[in-house]
Amino acid sequence: MIPKFMAFSDSTDPELLKSILEPLLEDFQYWFERSLTFLKTNDIPFLGLERQADLIDRVTQAKQEVAAAQALFKATGGQVGVEVAALAPWHHLVSECWQVANRFRQENPARPIEN
């Protein structure tokens, strides 16, 4: 999925947008990076190899989409944002990764987790 971007009018407060969108995109990058590290360094039996590889692929794709959004936001001086509809799948994916990690920790309480 290619994120949908939207241009803002002169009446849009660029500082407000910057204070909200910039850290949000940074958070997505942080959690996608952590998720990739976790998924690539741990064998997760309840997922199986195919589902684990699919999740890695989806996180990698989302990370690239967020990077594109960050680059465009920066290149336009904060005059372009990301539609909320594009943020929802990223949020869902982060939540899915958290659920996988939580289940992994519950099923392997004595095992140190690589992340």
N, C-alpha and C. Protein backbone atom coordinates (compact mmCIF):
# COMPACT_ATOMS: atom_id res chain seq x y z
N MET A 1 0.84 -1.18 0.00
CA MET A 1 0.00 0.00 0.00
C MET A 1 0.88 1.24 0.00
N ILE A 2 0.60 2.15 -0.87
CA ILE A 2 1.31 3.42 -0.91
C ILE A 2 0.53 4.40 -0.06
N PRO A 3 1.16 5.03 0.93
CA PRO A 3 0.43 5.96 1.77
C PRO A 3 -0.10 7.13 0.96
N LYS A 4 -1.27 7.60 1.34
CA LYS A 4 -1.85 8.76 0.67
C LYS A 4 -1.43 10.00 1.43
N PHE A 5 -0.95 10.94 0.67
CA PHE A 5 -0.47 12.18 1.26
C PHE A 5 -1.47 13.29 0.97
N MET A 6 -1.44 14.30 1.78
CA MET A 6 -2.32 15.43 1.57
C MET A 6 -1.57 16.71 1.82
N ALA A 7 -1.80 17.67 0.95
CA ALA A 7 -1.18 18.98 1.10
C ALA A 7 -2.04 19.82 2.03
N PHE A 8 -1.41 20.70 2.75
CA PHE A 8 -2.12 21.56 3.68
C PHE A 8 -2.13 22.98 3.18
N SER A 9 -3.18 23.66 3.51
CA SER A 9 -3.31 25.06 3.10
C SER A 9 -2.45 25.94 3.99
N ASP A 10 -2.37 27.19 3.60
CA ASP A 10 -1.59 28.15 4.39
C ASP A 10 -2.17 28.34 5.79
N SER A 11 -3.47 28.03 5.95
CA SER A 11 -4.10 28.23 7.25
C SER A 11 -3.78 27.09 8.22
N THR A 12 -3.24 25.99 7.73
CA THR A 12 -2.85 24.89 8.60
C THR A 12 -1.61 25.29 9.38
N ASP A 13 -1.65 25.07 10.68
CA ASP A 13 -0.53 25.43 11.54
C ASP A 13 0.60 24.40 11.36
N PRO A 14 1.68 24.78 10.67
CA PRO A 14 2.76 23.81 10.41
C PRO A 14 3.45 23.33 11.69
N GLU A 15 3.50 24.18 12.70
CA GLU A 15 4.14 23.77 13.95
C GLU A 15 3.29 22.72 14.67
N LEU A 16 1.99 22.88 14.62
CA LEU A 16 1.10 21.89 15.23
C LEU A 16 1.24 20.55 14.51
N LEU A 17 1.22 20.60 13.18
CA LEU A 17 1.37 19.39 12.39
C LEU A 17 2.72 18.73 12.68
N LYS A 18 3.77 19.54 12.72
CA LYS A 18 5.10 19.02 12.99
C LYS A 18 5.16 18.38 14.38
N SER A 19 4.52 18.99 15.35
CA SER A 19 4.57 18.48 16.72
C SER A 19 3.78 17.18 16.88
N ILE A 20 2.87 16.91 15.96
CA ILE A 20 2.07 15.68 16.05
C ILE A 20 2.58 14.61 15.09
N LEU A 21 2.70 14.96 13.82
CA LEU A 21 3.02 13.97 12.81
C LEU A 21 4.46 13.49 12.87
N GLU A 22 5.39 14.41 13.08
CA GLU A 22 6.80 14.02 13.10
C GLU A 22 7.10 12.97 14.17
N PRO A 23 6.68 13.18 15.44
CA PRO A 23 6.96 12.15 16.45
C PRO A 23 6.17 10.86 16.21
N LEU A 24 4.98 10.99 15.63
CA LEU A 24 4.20 9.79 15.33
C LEU A 24 4.91 8.92 14.31
N LEU A 25 5.43 9.52 13.26
CA LEU A 25 6.18 8.77 12.25
C LEU A 25 7.45 8.17 12.84
N GLU A 26 8.11 8.91 13.73
CA GLU A 26 9.30 8.39 14.41
C GLU A 26 8.95 7.18 15.28
N ASP A 27 7.80 7.24 15.95
CA ASP A 27 7.35 6.11 16.76
C ASP A 27 7.10 4.88 15.90
N PHE A 28 6.43 5.08 14.77
CA PHE A 28 6.22 3.95 13.86
C PHE A 28 7.55 3.33 13.45
N GLN A 29 8.51 4.16 13.09
CA GLN A 29 9.83 3.64 12.68
C GLN A 29 10.47 2.85 13.83
N TYR A 30 10.39 3.39 15.02
CA TYR A 30 10.98 2.73 16.19
C TYR A 30 10.36 1.35 16.39
N TRP A 31 9.03 1.28 16.41
CA TRP A 31 8.36 0.02 16.68
C TRP A 31 8.51 -0.97 15.53
N PHE A 32 8.54 -0.49 14.29
CA PHE A 32 8.77 -1.40 13.18
C PHE A 32 10.19 -1.96 13.22
N GLU A 33 11.16 -1.13 13.58
CA GLU A 33 12.54 -1.61 13.69
C GLU A 33 12.67 -2.65 14.80
N ARG A 34 12.09 -2.36 15.95
CA ARG A 34 12.12 -3.33 17.06
C ARG A 34 11.44 -4.63 16.67
N SER A 35 10.31 -4.51 15.97
CA SER A 35 9.57 -5.70 15.54
C SER A 35 10.39 -6.53 14.57
N LEU A 36 11.05 -5.87 13.63
CA LEU A 36 11.89 -6.60 12.68
C LEU A 36 13.02 -7.33 13.40
N THR A 37 13.66 -6.66 14.32
CA THR A 37 14.73 -7.29 15.08
C THR A 37 14.21 -8.51 15.83
N PHE A 38 13.09 -8.35 16.49
CA PHE A 38 12.48 -9.46 17.24
C PHE A 38 12.13 -10.62 16.30
N LEU A 39 11.46 -10.31 15.19
CA LEU A 39 11.01 -11.35 14.27
C LEU A 39 12.17 -12.07 13.57
N LYS A 40 13.24 -11.36 13.32
CA LYS A 40 14.37 -11.96 12.61
C LYS A 40 15.32 -12.73 13.53
N THR A 41 15.25 -12.47 14.83
CA THR A 41 16.21 -13.10 15.74
C THR A 41 15.58 -14.14 16.66
N ASN A 42 14.29 -14.36 16.54
CA ASN A 42 13.63 -15.35 17.39
C ASN A 42 12.85 -16.34 16.53
N ASP A 43 12.93 -17.60 16.90
CA ASP A 43 12.11 -18.63 16.29
C ASP A 43 10.77 -18.60 17.02
N ILE A 44 9.69 -18.36 16.29
CA ILE A 44 8.38 -18.20 16.91
C ILE A 44 7.48 -19.35 16.44
N PRO A 45 7.52 -20.46 17.17
CA PRO A 45 6.83 -21.67 16.72
C PRO A 45 5.33 -21.50 16.45
N PHE A 46 4.63 -20.74 17.27
CA PHE A 46 3.19 -20.62 17.07
C PHE A 46 2.82 -19.86 15.79
N LEU A 47 3.77 -19.11 15.23
CA LEU A 47 3.52 -18.45 13.95
C LEU A 47 3.79 -19.37 12.77
N GLY A 48 4.82 -20.17 12.90
CA GLY A 48 5.26 -20.98 11.76
C GLY A 48 6.14 -20.12 10.86
N LEU A 49 6.96 -20.77 10.07
CA LEU A 49 7.93 -20.05 9.24
C LEU A 49 7.26 -19.16 8.20
N GLU A 50 6.19 -19.65 7.58
CA GLU A 50 5.54 -18.88 6.52
C GLU A 50 4.87 -17.61 7.07
N ARG A 51 4.16 -17.74 8.17
CA ARG A 51 3.50 -16.57 8.76
C ARG A 51 4.52 -15.59 9.32
N GLN A 52 5.62 -16.11 9.88
CA GLN A 52 6.66 -15.24 10.39
C GLN A 52 7.31 -14.46 9.25
N ALA A 53 7.58 -15.14 8.14
CA ALA A 53 8.16 -14.48 6.96
C ALA A 53 7.20 -13.43 6.40
N ASP A 54 5.90 -13.75 6.39
CA ASP A 54 4.90 -12.79 5.91
C ASP A 54 4.87 -11.55 6.80
N LEU A 55 4.93 -11.76 8.10
CA LEU A 55 4.92 -10.63 9.03
C LEU A 55 6.18 -9.78 8.84
N ILE A 56 7.31 -10.42 8.66
CA ILE A 56 8.55 -9.68 8.39
C ILE A 56 8.40 -8.84 7.12
N ASP A 57 7.83 -9.43 6.08
CA ASP A 57 7.63 -8.71 4.82
C ASP A 57 6.70 -7.51 5.00
N ARG A 58 5.62 -7.70 5.74
CA ARG A 58 4.67 -6.61 5.95
C ARG A 58 5.27 -5.49 6.78
N VAL A 59 6.05 -5.84 7.79
CA VAL A 59 6.70 -4.82 8.61
C VAL A 59 7.75 -4.08 7.79
N THR A 60 8.50 -4.79 6.98
CA THR A 60 9.50 -4.16 6.12
C THR A 60 8.84 -3.17 5.16
N GLN A 61 7.72 -3.58 4.56
CA GLN A 61 6.99 -2.70 3.64
C GLN A 61 6.47 -1.46 4.37
N ALA A 62 5.89 -1.66 5.53
CA ALA A 62 5.35 -0.53 6.29
C ALA A 62 6.47 0.42 6.70
N LYS A 63 7.61 -0.13 7.08
CA LYS A 63 8.77 0.70 7.46
C LYS A 63 9.20 1.57 6.29
N GLN A 64 9.19 1.01 5.09
CA GLN A 64 9.53 1.77 3.89
C GLN A 64 8.49 2.87 3.60
N GLU A 65 7.23 2.55 3.82
CA GLU A 65 6.18 3.54 3.62
C GLU A 65 6.33 4.71 4.59
N VAL A 66 6.62 4.39 5.84
CA VAL A 66 6.82 5.44 6.84
C VAL A 66 8.03 6.28 6.47
N ALA A 67 9.10 5.66 6.00
CA ALA A 67 10.29 6.40 5.59
C ALA A 67 9.96 7.35 4.44
N ALA A 68 9.13 6.89 3.50
CA ALA A 68 8.72 7.75 2.39
C ALA A 68 7.91 8.94 2.91
N ALA A 69 7.01 8.68 3.85
CA ALA A 69 6.21 9.76 4.43
C ALA A 69 7.10 10.75 5.16
N GLN A 70 8.07 10.26 5.90
CA GLN A 70 9.00 11.14 6.61
C GLN A 70 9.80 11.99 5.63
N ALA A 71 10.27 11.39 4.57
CA ALA A 71 11.08 12.12 3.58
C ALA A 71 10.24 13.21 2.91
N LEU A 72 9.02 12.88 2.54
CA LEU A 72 8.15 13.86 1.90
C LEU A 72 7.77 14.98 2.86
N PHE A 73 7.49 14.62 4.09
CA PHE A 73 7.16 15.62 5.10
C PHE A 73 8.32 16.59 5.29
N LYS A 74 9.53 16.05 5.37
CA LYS A 74 10.71 16.87 5.55
C LYS A 74 11.00 17.72 4.31
N ALA A 75 10.89 17.10 3.13
CA ALA A 75 11.20 17.81 1.88
C ALA A 75 10.25 18.98 1.61
N THR A 76 9.04 18.88 2.11
CA THR A 76 8.04 19.94 1.87
C THR A 76 7.96 20.91 3.04
N GLY A 77 8.85 20.76 3.98
CA GLY A 77 8.82 21.67 5.14
C GLY A 77 7.56 21.51 5.97
N GLY A 78 7.04 20.31 6.01
CA GLY A 78 5.85 20.04 6.82
C GLY A 78 4.55 20.44 6.17
N GLN A 79 4.57 20.68 4.88
CA GLN A 79 3.35 21.10 4.18
C GLN A 79 2.56 19.92 3.61
N VAL A 80 3.08 18.72 3.77
CA VAL A 80 2.39 17.52 3.30
C VAL A 80 2.29 16.56 4.48
N GLY A 81 1.09 16.04 4.69
CA GLY A 81 0.88 15.08 5.77
C GLY A 81 0.44 13.74 5.22
N VAL A 82 0.09 12.87 6.11
CA VAL A 82 -0.37 11.53 5.75
C VAL A 82 -1.84 11.42 6.14
N GLU A 83 -2.64 10.88 5.23
CA GLU A 83 -4.05 10.71 5.54
C GLU A 83 -4.21 9.70 6.67
N VAL A 84 -5.21 9.93 7.49
CA VAL A 84 -5.47 9.05 8.63
C VAL A 84 -5.69 7.62 8.16
N ALA A 85 -6.31 7.44 7.00
CA ALA A 85 -6.55 6.11 6.47
C ALA A 85 -5.25 5.34 6.23
N ALA A 86 -4.16 6.04 5.98
CA ALA A 86 -2.86 5.39 5.78
C ALA A 86 -2.22 5.02 7.12
N LEU A 87 -2.55 5.75 8.16
CA LEU A 87 -1.98 5.48 9.48
C LEU A 87 -2.60 4.25 10.13
N ALA A 88 -3.86 4.01 9.86
CA ALA A 88 -4.57 2.90 10.51
C ALA A 88 -3.91 1.54 10.27
N PRO A 89 -3.54 1.19 9.04
CA PRO A 89 -2.88 -0.11 8.85
C PRO A 89 -1.53 -0.20 9.58
N TRP A 90 -0.81 0.90 9.66
CA TRP A 90 0.46 0.89 10.39
C TRP A 90 0.20 0.62 11.87
N HIS A 91 -0.80 1.28 12.40
CA HIS A 91 -1.15 1.09 13.80
C HIS A 91 -1.57 -0.36 14.05
N HIS A 92 -2.37 -0.90 13.16
CA HIS A 92 -2.81 -2.29 13.30
C HIS A 92 -1.61 -3.25 13.26
N LEU A 93 -0.67 -2.98 12.39
CA LEU A 93 0.51 -3.84 12.25
C LEU A 93 1.39 -3.77 13.50
N VAL A 94 1.57 -2.60 14.06
CA VAL A 94 2.33 -2.47 15.31
C VAL A 94 1.63 -3.26 16.40
N SER A 95 0.31 -3.15 16.47
CA SER A 95 -0.47 -3.87 17.47
C SER A 95 -0.32 -5.38 17.28
N GLU A 96 -0.36 -5.84 16.04
CA GLU A 96 -0.18 -7.26 15.74
C GLU A 96 1.19 -7.74 16.21
N CYS A 97 2.22 -6.95 15.97
CA CYS A 97 3.57 -7.31 16.41
C CYS A 97 3.66 -7.36 17.93
N TRP A 98 3.02 -6.41 18.61
CA TRP A 98 3.02 -6.42 20.07
C TRP A 98 2.34 -7.68 20.60
N GLN A 99 1.25 -8.08 19.95
CA GLN A 99 0.53 -9.28 20.38
C GLN A 99 1.39 -10.52 20.21
N VAL A 100 2.10 -10.61 19.10
CA VAL A 100 3.00 -11.75 18.86
C VAL A 100 4.09 -11.77 19.93
N ALA A 101 4.71 -10.63 20.19
CA ALA A 101 5.78 -10.57 21.19
C ALA A 101 5.24 -10.91 22.59
N ASN A 102 4.05 -10.43 22.90
CA ASN A 102 3.45 -10.72 24.21
C ASN A 102 3.19 -12.21 24.36
N ARG A 103 2.62 -12.83 23.34
CA ARG A 103 2.36 -14.28 23.40
C ARG A 103 3.68 -15.04 23.51
N PHE A 104 4.67 -14.62 22.75
CA PHE A 104 5.98 -15.27 22.82
C PHE A 104 6.53 -15.22 24.24
N ARG A 105 6.43 -14.07 24.87
CA ARG A 105 6.94 -13.91 26.24
C ARG A 105 6.15 -14.79 27.22
N GLN A 106 4.84 -14.87 27.01
CA GLN A 106 4.02 -15.70 27.90
C GLN A 106 4.36 -17.18 27.75
N GLU A 107 4.64 -17.61 26.51
CA GLU A 107 4.94 -19.01 26.26
C GLU A 107 6.39 -19.37 26.56
N ASN A 108 7.25 -18.38 26.72
CA ASN A 108 8.67 -18.60 26.96
C ASN A 108 9.16 -17.69 28.09
N PRO A 109 8.60 -17.83 29.28
CA PRO A 109 8.94 -16.87 30.34
C PRO A 109 10.40 -16.92 30.80
N ALA A 110 11.05 -18.06 30.68
CA ALA A 110 12.43 -18.16 31.15
C ALA A 110 13.45 -17.83 30.05
N ARG A 111 12.98 -17.75 28.83
CA ARG A 111 13.89 -17.54 27.70
C ARG A 111 14.15 -16.05 27.49
N PRO A 112 15.41 -15.64 27.42
CA PRO A 112 15.68 -14.24 27.10
C PRO A 112 15.26 -13.95 25.67
N ILE A 113 14.71 -12.78 25.47
CA ILE A 113 14.20 -12.39 24.16
C ILE A 113 15.20 -11.50 23.47
N GLU A 114 15.47 -11.83 22.24
CA GLU A 114 16.35 -11.00 21.40
C GLU A 114 15.49 -9.91 20.80
N ASN A 115 15.80 -8.67 21.11
CA ASN A 115 15.10 -7.55 20.45
C ASN A 115 15.87 -6.31 20.55
